[in-house]
Amino acid sequence: MGENVLKRKLHDHKKRITPQREAVYSALKNSESHPSAEEIHNKILNKHPNISLATVYQILSIFEEIGIIKSLTVDNTKRYEIDSRFHIHIICPVCEKIDDLYSIKIKAFWQNLLDELEINPEDEEIRVYQTCAECLNKLKKK
């Protein structure tokens, strides 16, 4: 989702585009992970030193409410992402790193399953918990 889509979605929901909202969106878009509100806040403090963590939470709530982003909670921490393409979250239970796996085969399997069950979920998410390679190496060294 690009900046124009952000502006259109905000406009469609009668929300103003503000420098703070653009900064939060940019931090999410440029993140290689699934950042928490605190991580997003820390990323944008240099350019927006007066933005509070509460404001970041409010912006994220608005973005989620109007479908710009999705959230997932891992170990009591809410994390955010923009990507709306079908994917699986692979979560390391040790360090809580989240990787995205995109697979046409899994997407087709999932769609076939939904068709077979004759359901149309409002939301869907597949999580796989697997210790990441970095944590496995650390555990082997102990």
N, C-alpha and C. Protein backbone atom coordinates (compact mmCIF):
# COMPACT_ATOMS: atom_id res chain seq x y z
N MET A 1 0.85 -1.16 0.00
CA MET A 1 0.00 0.00 0.00
C MET A 1 0.90 1.23 0.00
N GLY A 2 0.66 2.13 -0.94
CA GLY A 2 1.49 3.31 -1.06
C GLY A 2 0.89 4.52 -0.36
N GLU A 3 1.63 5.61 -0.42
CA GLU A 3 1.20 6.85 0.22
C GLU A 3 -0.16 7.32 -0.31
N ASN A 4 -0.39 7.16 -1.63
CA ASN A 4 -1.67 7.59 -2.21
C ASN A 4 -2.83 6.79 -1.66
N VAL A 5 -2.62 5.49 -1.46
CA VAL A 5 -3.67 4.64 -0.89
C VAL A 5 -3.95 5.07 0.55
N LEU A 6 -2.89 5.38 1.28
CA LEU A 6 -3.06 5.87 2.66
C LEU A 6 -3.92 7.12 2.66
N LYS A 7 -3.58 8.07 1.81
CA LYS A 7 -4.34 9.33 1.76
C LYS A 7 -5.79 9.09 1.37
N ARG A 8 -6.02 8.21 0.40
CA ARG A 8 -7.38 7.91 -0.04
C ARG A 8 -8.19 7.26 1.07
N LYS A 9 -7.59 6.27 1.74
CA LYS A 9 -8.31 5.57 2.81
C LYS A 9 -8.65 6.53 3.95
N LEU A 10 -7.69 7.38 4.31
CA LEU A 10 -7.97 8.35 5.37
C LEU A 10 -9.08 9.31 4.93
N HIS A 11 -9.00 9.78 3.70
CA HIS A 11 -10.02 10.69 3.17
C HIS A 11 -11.39 10.02 3.13
N ASP A 12 -11.43 8.76 2.67
CA ASP A 12 -12.70 8.02 2.59
C ASP A 12 -13.36 7.86 3.95
N HIS A 13 -12.55 7.84 5.01
CA HIS A 13 -13.08 7.68 6.36
C HIS A 13 -13.11 9.01 7.12
N LYS A 14 -13.01 10.10 6.34
CA LYS A 14 -13.08 11.45 6.90
C LYS A 14 -12.03 11.70 7.98
N LYS A 15 -10.84 11.19 7.73
CA LYS A 15 -9.70 11.41 8.63
C LYS A 15 -8.67 12.26 7.89
N ARG A 16 -8.08 13.19 8.62
CA ARG A 16 -7.07 14.06 8.01
C ARG A 16 -5.73 13.34 7.89
N ILE A 17 -4.98 13.71 6.86
CA ILE A 17 -3.61 13.23 6.75
C ILE A 17 -2.75 14.24 7.50
N THR A 18 -2.01 13.76 8.48
CA THR A 18 -1.16 14.64 9.29
C THR A 18 0.28 14.16 9.18
N PRO A 19 1.24 15.02 9.49
CA PRO A 19 2.64 14.58 9.48
C PRO A 19 2.88 13.39 10.41
N GLN A 20 2.19 13.37 11.55
CA GLN A 20 2.36 12.27 12.49
C GLN A 20 1.83 10.96 11.90
N ARG A 21 0.68 11.01 11.26
CA ARG A 21 0.12 9.81 10.64
C ARG A 21 1.01 9.33 9.51
N GLU A 22 1.53 10.26 8.72
CA GLU A 22 2.46 9.88 7.65
C GLU A 22 3.72 9.25 8.23
N ALA A 23 4.21 9.79 9.34
CA ALA A 23 5.43 9.25 9.96
C ALA A 23 5.21 7.83 10.48
N VAL A 24 4.08 7.60 11.12
CA VAL A 24 3.77 6.25 11.63
C VAL A 24 3.64 5.28 10.46
N TYR A 25 2.95 5.70 9.42
CA TYR A 25 2.79 4.84 8.24
C TYR A 25 4.15 4.54 7.61
N SER A 26 4.98 5.55 7.47
CA SER A 26 6.31 5.38 6.88
C SER A 26 7.17 4.43 7.71
N ALA A 27 7.11 4.56 9.03
CA ALA A 27 7.87 3.67 9.91
C ALA A 27 7.42 2.23 9.73
N LEU A 28 6.12 2.02 9.59
CA LEU A 28 5.60 0.67 9.36
C LEU A 28 6.02 0.14 7.99
N LYS A 29 5.88 1.00 6.99
CA LYS A 29 6.18 0.59 5.61
C LYS A 29 7.66 0.23 5.45
N ASN A 30 8.53 0.94 6.15
CA ASN A 30 9.96 0.72 6.01
C ASN A 30 10.52 -0.29 7.00
N SER A 31 9.67 -0.87 7.80
CA SER A 31 10.11 -1.84 8.79
C SER A 31 10.25 -3.22 8.15
N GLU A 32 11.30 -3.92 8.53
CA GLU A 32 11.51 -5.28 8.03
C GLU A 32 10.88 -6.31 8.97
N SER A 33 10.34 -5.83 10.07
CA SER A 33 9.74 -6.74 11.04
C SER A 33 8.29 -6.33 11.28
N HIS A 34 7.74 -6.78 12.35
CA HIS A 34 6.39 -6.42 12.76
C HIS A 34 6.56 -5.60 14.04
N PRO A 35 6.74 -4.29 13.92
CA PRO A 35 7.09 -3.49 15.09
C PRO A 35 5.93 -3.28 16.06
N SER A 36 6.29 -3.06 17.30
CA SER A 36 5.32 -2.69 18.32
C SER A 36 5.13 -1.18 18.27
N ALA A 37 4.15 -0.67 18.98
CA ALA A 37 3.93 0.78 19.04
C ALA A 37 5.16 1.49 19.60
N GLU A 38 5.78 0.88 20.60
CA GLU A 38 6.98 1.48 21.20
C GLU A 38 8.11 1.56 20.19
N GLU A 39 8.29 0.52 19.40
CA GLU A 39 9.35 0.52 18.38
C GLU A 39 9.07 1.57 17.31
N ILE A 40 7.82 1.70 16.91
CA ILE A 40 7.45 2.73 15.92
C ILE A 40 7.71 4.11 16.51
N HIS A 41 7.31 4.31 17.75
CA HIS A 41 7.53 5.58 18.43
C HIS A 41 9.01 5.94 18.44
N ASN A 42 9.85 4.98 18.80
CA ASN A 42 11.30 5.23 18.84
C ASN A 42 11.85 5.58 17.46
N LYS A 43 11.31 4.96 16.41
CA LYS A 43 11.79 5.23 15.05
C LYS A 43 11.48 6.64 14.59
N ILE A 44 10.37 7.19 15.03
CA ILE A 44 9.96 8.50 14.49
C ILE A 44 10.29 9.67 15.41
N LEU A 45 10.86 9.40 16.58
CA LEU A 45 11.15 10.48 17.52
C LEU A 45 12.14 11.51 16.98
N ASN A 46 13.10 11.10 16.16
CA ASN A 46 14.07 12.06 15.62
C ASN A 46 13.40 13.15 14.80
N LYS A 47 12.48 12.76 13.92
CA LYS A 47 11.80 13.74 13.06
C LYS A 47 10.60 14.39 13.75
N HIS A 48 10.03 13.69 14.72
CA HIS A 48 8.84 14.20 15.42
C HIS A 48 9.06 14.07 16.93
N PRO A 49 9.94 14.91 17.49
CA PRO A 49 10.30 14.77 18.91
C PRO A 49 9.14 15.02 19.88
N ASN A 50 8.10 15.68 19.41
CA ASN A 50 6.97 15.99 20.30
C ASN A 50 5.85 14.96 20.25
N ILE A 51 5.99 13.94 19.42
CA ILE A 51 4.93 12.94 19.33
C ILE A 51 5.00 12.01 20.54
N SER A 52 3.86 11.80 21.15
CA SER A 52 3.82 10.94 22.34
C SER A 52 3.52 9.50 21.93
N LEU A 53 3.83 8.60 22.83
CA LEU A 53 3.51 7.19 22.60
C LEU A 53 1.99 7.02 22.51
N ALA A 54 1.25 7.78 23.30
CA ALA A 54 -0.22 7.72 23.25
C ALA A 54 -0.74 8.09 21.87
N THR A 55 -0.12 9.10 21.24
CA THR A 55 -0.52 9.50 19.89
C THR A 55 -0.25 8.39 18.90
N VAL A 56 0.89 7.73 19.04
CA VAL A 56 1.22 6.61 18.15
C VAL A 56 0.17 5.51 18.30
N TYR A 57 -0.20 5.19 19.53
CA TYR A 57 -1.25 4.19 19.76
C TYR A 57 -2.57 4.62 19.12
N GLN A 58 -2.93 5.89 19.24
CA GLN A 58 -4.18 6.39 18.64
C GLN A 58 -4.14 6.26 17.13
N ILE A 59 -3.01 6.60 16.53
CA ILE A 59 -2.87 6.51 15.07
C ILE A 59 -2.97 5.05 14.63
N LEU A 60 -2.29 4.16 15.33
CA LEU A 60 -2.34 2.74 14.98
C LEU A 60 -3.77 2.21 15.10
N SER A 61 -4.48 2.65 16.12
CA SER A 61 -5.87 2.23 16.30
C SER A 61 -6.74 2.69 15.13
N ILE A 62 -6.56 3.92 14.70
CA ILE A 62 -7.30 4.44 13.55
C ILE A 62 -6.95 3.65 12.30
N PHE A 63 -5.65 3.44 12.07
CA PHE A 63 -5.21 2.70 10.88
C PHE A 63 -5.80 1.30 10.86
N GLU A 64 -5.83 0.65 12.02
CA GLU A 64 -6.38 -0.71 12.08
C GLU A 64 -7.90 -0.69 11.86
N GLU A 65 -8.56 0.27 12.45
CA GLU A 65 -10.01 0.38 12.33
C GLU A 65 -10.46 0.56 10.88
N ILE A 66 -9.69 1.31 10.09
CA ILE A 66 -10.11 1.57 8.71
C ILE A 66 -9.41 0.65 7.70
N GLY A 67 -8.67 -0.35 8.20
CA GLY A 67 -8.12 -1.38 7.33
C GLY A 67 -6.81 -1.06 6.65
N ILE A 68 -6.07 -0.10 7.17
CA ILE A 68 -4.76 0.21 6.59
C ILE A 68 -3.72 -0.78 7.07
N ILE A 69 -3.85 -1.22 8.32
CA ILE A 69 -2.90 -2.15 8.91
C ILE A 69 -3.64 -3.28 9.61
N LYS A 70 -2.88 -4.30 9.98
CA LYS A 70 -3.39 -5.39 10.81
C LYS A 70 -2.47 -5.51 12.01
N SER A 71 -3.00 -6.05 13.07
CA SER A 71 -2.17 -6.29 14.25
C SER A 71 -2.20 -7.77 14.60
N LEU A 72 -1.16 -8.18 15.30
CA LEU A 72 -1.14 -9.52 15.87
C LEU A 72 -0.47 -9.42 17.22
N THR A 73 -0.95 -10.17 18.16
CA THR A 73 -0.40 -10.13 19.51
C THR A 73 0.45 -11.37 19.72
N VAL A 74 1.70 -11.14 20.09
CA VAL A 74 2.63 -12.22 20.37
C VAL A 74 3.18 -11.97 21.77
N ASP A 75 2.97 -12.91 22.66
CA ASP A 75 3.44 -12.83 24.04
C ASP A 75 3.05 -11.50 24.68
N ASN A 76 1.79 -11.16 24.59
CA ASN A 76 1.20 -9.96 25.19
C ASN A 76 1.70 -8.64 24.60
N THR A 77 2.36 -8.69 23.45
CA THR A 77 2.81 -7.47 22.78
C THR A 77 2.10 -7.38 21.43
N LYS A 78 1.41 -6.27 21.21
CA LYS A 78 0.72 -6.06 19.95
C LYS A 78 1.73 -5.57 18.92
N ARG A 79 1.75 -6.24 17.77
CA ARG A 79 2.67 -5.88 16.69
C ARG A 79 1.84 -5.58 15.45
N TYR A 80 2.43 -4.80 14.53
CA TYR A 80 1.66 -4.28 13.41
C TYR A 80 2.33 -4.58 12.08
N GLU A 81 1.49 -4.66 11.03
CA GLU A 81 1.99 -4.85 9.68
C GLU A 81 1.03 -4.21 8.69
N ILE A 82 1.58 -3.84 7.54
CA ILE A 82 0.78 -3.25 6.46
C ILE A 82 0.36 -4.32 5.47
N ASP A 83 1.22 -5.27 5.22
CA ASP A 83 1.03 -6.24 4.14
C ASP A 83 -0.29 -6.97 4.27
N SER A 84 -1.13 -6.86 3.25
CA SER A 84 -2.43 -7.53 3.29
C SER A 84 -2.48 -8.78 2.42
N ARG A 85 -1.36 -9.10 1.77
CA ARG A 85 -1.35 -10.33 0.97
C ARG A 85 -1.42 -11.54 1.91
N PHE A 86 -1.97 -12.64 1.42
CA PHE A 86 -2.08 -13.84 2.24
C PHE A 86 -0.68 -14.35 2.58
N HIS A 87 -0.44 -14.56 3.86
CA HIS A 87 0.85 -15.10 4.29
C HIS A 87 0.69 -15.77 5.65
N ILE A 88 1.71 -16.52 5.99
CA ILE A 88 1.75 -17.22 7.27
C ILE A 88 2.78 -16.52 8.14
N HIS A 89 2.46 -16.40 9.42
CA HIS A 89 3.43 -15.85 10.37
C HIS A 89 4.20 -17.00 11.00
N ILE A 90 5.51 -16.96 10.86
CA ILE A 90 6.37 -17.92 11.53
C ILE A 90 7.00 -17.19 12.71
N ILE A 91 6.67 -17.63 13.91
CA ILE A 91 7.04 -16.91 15.12
C ILE A 91 8.01 -17.75 15.94
N CYS A 92 9.13 -17.15 16.30
CA CYS A 92 10.09 -17.82 17.17
C CYS A 92 9.61 -17.66 18.61
N PRO A 93 9.37 -18.76 19.32
CA PRO A 93 8.89 -18.65 20.70
C PRO A 93 9.97 -18.18 21.68
N VAL A 94 11.23 -18.18 21.23
CA VAL A 94 12.32 -17.76 22.11
C VAL A 94 12.52 -16.25 22.05
N CYS A 95 12.74 -15.71 20.86
CA CYS A 95 13.03 -14.28 20.71
C CYS A 95 11.84 -13.47 20.20
N GLU A 96 10.76 -14.14 19.83
CA GLU A 96 9.52 -13.53 19.34
C GLU A 96 9.67 -12.86 17.97
N LYS A 97 10.72 -13.20 17.25
CA LYS A 97 10.88 -12.70 15.89
C LYS A 97 9.74 -13.26 15.03
N ILE A 98 9.21 -12.43 14.14
CA ILE A 98 8.13 -12.86 13.26
C ILE A 98 8.59 -12.74 11.82
N ASP A 99 8.53 -13.84 11.10
CA ASP A 99 8.83 -13.84 9.67
C ASP A 99 7.54 -14.14 8.92
N ASP A 100 7.45 -13.62 7.71
CA ASP A 100 6.30 -13.88 6.86
C ASP A 100 6.67 -14.90 5.80
N LEU A 101 5.79 -15.87 5.58
CA LEU A 101 5.98 -16.87 4.54
C LEU A 101 4.85 -16.73 3.54
N TYR A 102 5.23 -16.51 2.29
CA TYR A 102 4.25 -16.39 1.20
C TYR A 102 4.34 -17.66 0.37
N SER A 103 3.20 -18.30 0.14
CA SER A 103 3.19 -19.54 -0.62
C SER A 103 1.88 -19.65 -1.39
N ILE A 104 1.99 -19.78 -2.69
CA ILE A 104 0.80 -19.95 -3.52
C ILE A 104 0.11 -21.27 -3.18
N LYS A 105 0.90 -22.31 -2.90
CA LYS A 105 0.32 -23.62 -2.57
C LYS A 105 -0.48 -23.56 -1.27
N ILE A 106 0.07 -22.89 -0.27
CA ILE A 106 -0.64 -22.79 1.01
C ILE A 106 -1.88 -21.93 0.85
N LYS A 107 -1.78 -20.87 0.06
CA LYS A 107 -2.95 -20.02 -0.18
C LYS A 107 -4.05 -20.82 -0.86
N ALA A 108 -3.69 -21.64 -1.85
CA ALA A 108 -4.68 -22.46 -2.56
C ALA A 108 -5.29 -23.50 -1.61
N PHE A 109 -4.44 -24.13 -0.78
CA PHE A 109 -4.93 -25.09 0.20
C PHE A 109 -5.93 -24.42 1.15
N TRP A 110 -5.56 -23.25 1.64
CA TRP A 110 -6.42 -22.53 2.58
C TRP A 110 -7.76 -22.19 1.94
N GLN A 111 -7.72 -21.71 0.69
CA GLN A 111 -8.96 -21.35 0.00
C GLN A 111 -9.83 -22.59 -0.22
N ASN A 112 -9.20 -23.72 -0.58
CA ASN A 112 -9.95 -24.97 -0.75
C ASN A 112 -10.60 -25.40 0.56
N LEU A 113 -9.88 -25.24 1.66
CA LEU A 113 -10.42 -25.61 2.96
C LEU A 113 -11.63 -24.73 3.31
N LEU A 114 -11.51 -23.43 3.08
CA LEU A 114 -12.63 -22.53 3.35
C LEU A 114 -13.84 -22.88 2.49
N ASP A 115 -13.58 -23.20 1.21
CA ASP A 115 -14.67 -23.58 0.31
C ASP A 115 -15.34 -24.87 0.77
N GLU A 116 -14.51 -25.84 1.17
CA GLU A 116 -15.05 -27.13 1.62
C GLU A 116 -15.90 -26.96 2.88
N LEU A 117 -15.44 -26.12 3.78
CA LEU A 117 -16.18 -25.89 5.03
C LEU A 117 -17.33 -24.91 4.84
N GLU A 118 -17.37 -24.30 3.66
CA GLU A 118 -18.40 -23.31 3.33
C GLU A 118 -18.45 -22.19 4.36
N ILE A 119 -17.27 -21.65 4.64
CA ILE A 119 -17.19 -20.52 5.56
C ILE A 119 -16.46 -19.36 4.89
N ASN A 120 -16.76 -18.17 5.37
CA ASN A 120 -16.11 -16.97 4.87
C ASN A 120 -15.70 -16.14 6.09
N PRO A 121 -14.51 -16.41 6.64
CA PRO A 121 -14.12 -15.74 7.88
C PRO A 121 -13.97 -14.23 7.70
N GLU A 122 -14.27 -13.51 8.78
CA GLU A 122 -14.09 -12.06 8.77
C GLU A 122 -12.61 -11.71 8.78
N ASP A 123 -11.83 -12.56 9.40
CA ASP A 123 -10.39 -12.36 9.47
C ASP A 123 -9.75 -13.74 9.52
N GLU A 124 -8.53 -13.81 9.06
CA GLU A 124 -7.84 -15.10 9.07
C GLU A 124 -6.36 -14.88 9.29
N GLU A 125 -5.77 -15.82 10.01
CA GLU A 125 -4.34 -15.75 10.28
C GLU A 125 -3.85 -17.15 10.58
N ILE A 126 -2.73 -17.50 9.99
CA ILE A 126 -2.10 -18.78 10.28
C ILE A 126 -0.75 -18.49 10.93
N ARG A 127 -0.55 -19.09 12.10
CA ARG A 127 0.71 -18.92 12.83
C ARG A 127 1.40 -20.27 12.96
N VAL A 128 2.70 -20.25 12.75
CA VAL A 128 3.53 -21.42 12.97
C VAL A 128 4.61 -21.00 13.96
N TYR A 129 4.74 -21.75 15.04
CA TYR A 129 5.77 -21.45 16.03
C TYR A 129 6.96 -22.37 15.80
N GLN A 130 8.09 -21.76 15.54
CA GLN A 130 9.31 -22.52 15.27
C GLN A 130 10.50 -21.70 15.75
N THR A 131 11.39 -22.34 16.49
CA THR A 131 12.59 -21.64 16.96
C THR A 131 13.44 -21.26 15.76
N CYS A 132 13.82 -19.98 15.69
CA CYS A 132 14.59 -19.49 14.54
C CYS A 132 16.03 -20.03 14.60
N ALA A 133 16.71 -19.96 13.48
CA ALA A 133 18.08 -20.49 13.36
C ALA A 133 19.02 -19.82 14.35
N GLU A 134 18.87 -18.53 14.53
CA GLU A 134 19.75 -17.79 15.45
C GLU A 134 19.58 -18.29 16.89
N CYS A 135 18.35 -18.49 17.31
CA CYS A 135 18.10 -18.99 18.67
C CYS A 135 18.54 -20.44 18.81
N LEU A 136 18.35 -21.24 17.76
CA LEU A 136 18.82 -22.63 17.81
C LEU A 136 20.33 -22.69 18.01
N ASN A 137 21.05 -21.83 17.29
CA ASN A 137 22.51 -21.79 17.44
C ASN A 137 22.91 -21.39 18.85
N LYS A 138 22.22 -20.42 19.43
CA LYS A 138 22.52 -19.99 20.80
C LYS A 138 22.23 -21.12 21.79
N LEU A 139 21.13 -21.85 21.56
CA LEU A 139 20.78 -22.95 22.46
C LEU A 139 21.78 -24.10 22.36
N LYS A 140 22.31 -24.34 21.17
CA LYS A 140 23.30 -25.41 20.98
C LYS A 140 24.61 -25.10 21.68
N LYS A 141 24.95 -23.82 21.77
CA LYS A 141 26.21 -23.41 22.38
C LYS A 141 26.18 -23.50 23.89
N LYS A 142 24.99 -23.58 24.47
CA LYS A 142 24.88 -23.63 25.94
C LYS A 142 25.23 -24.97 26.49
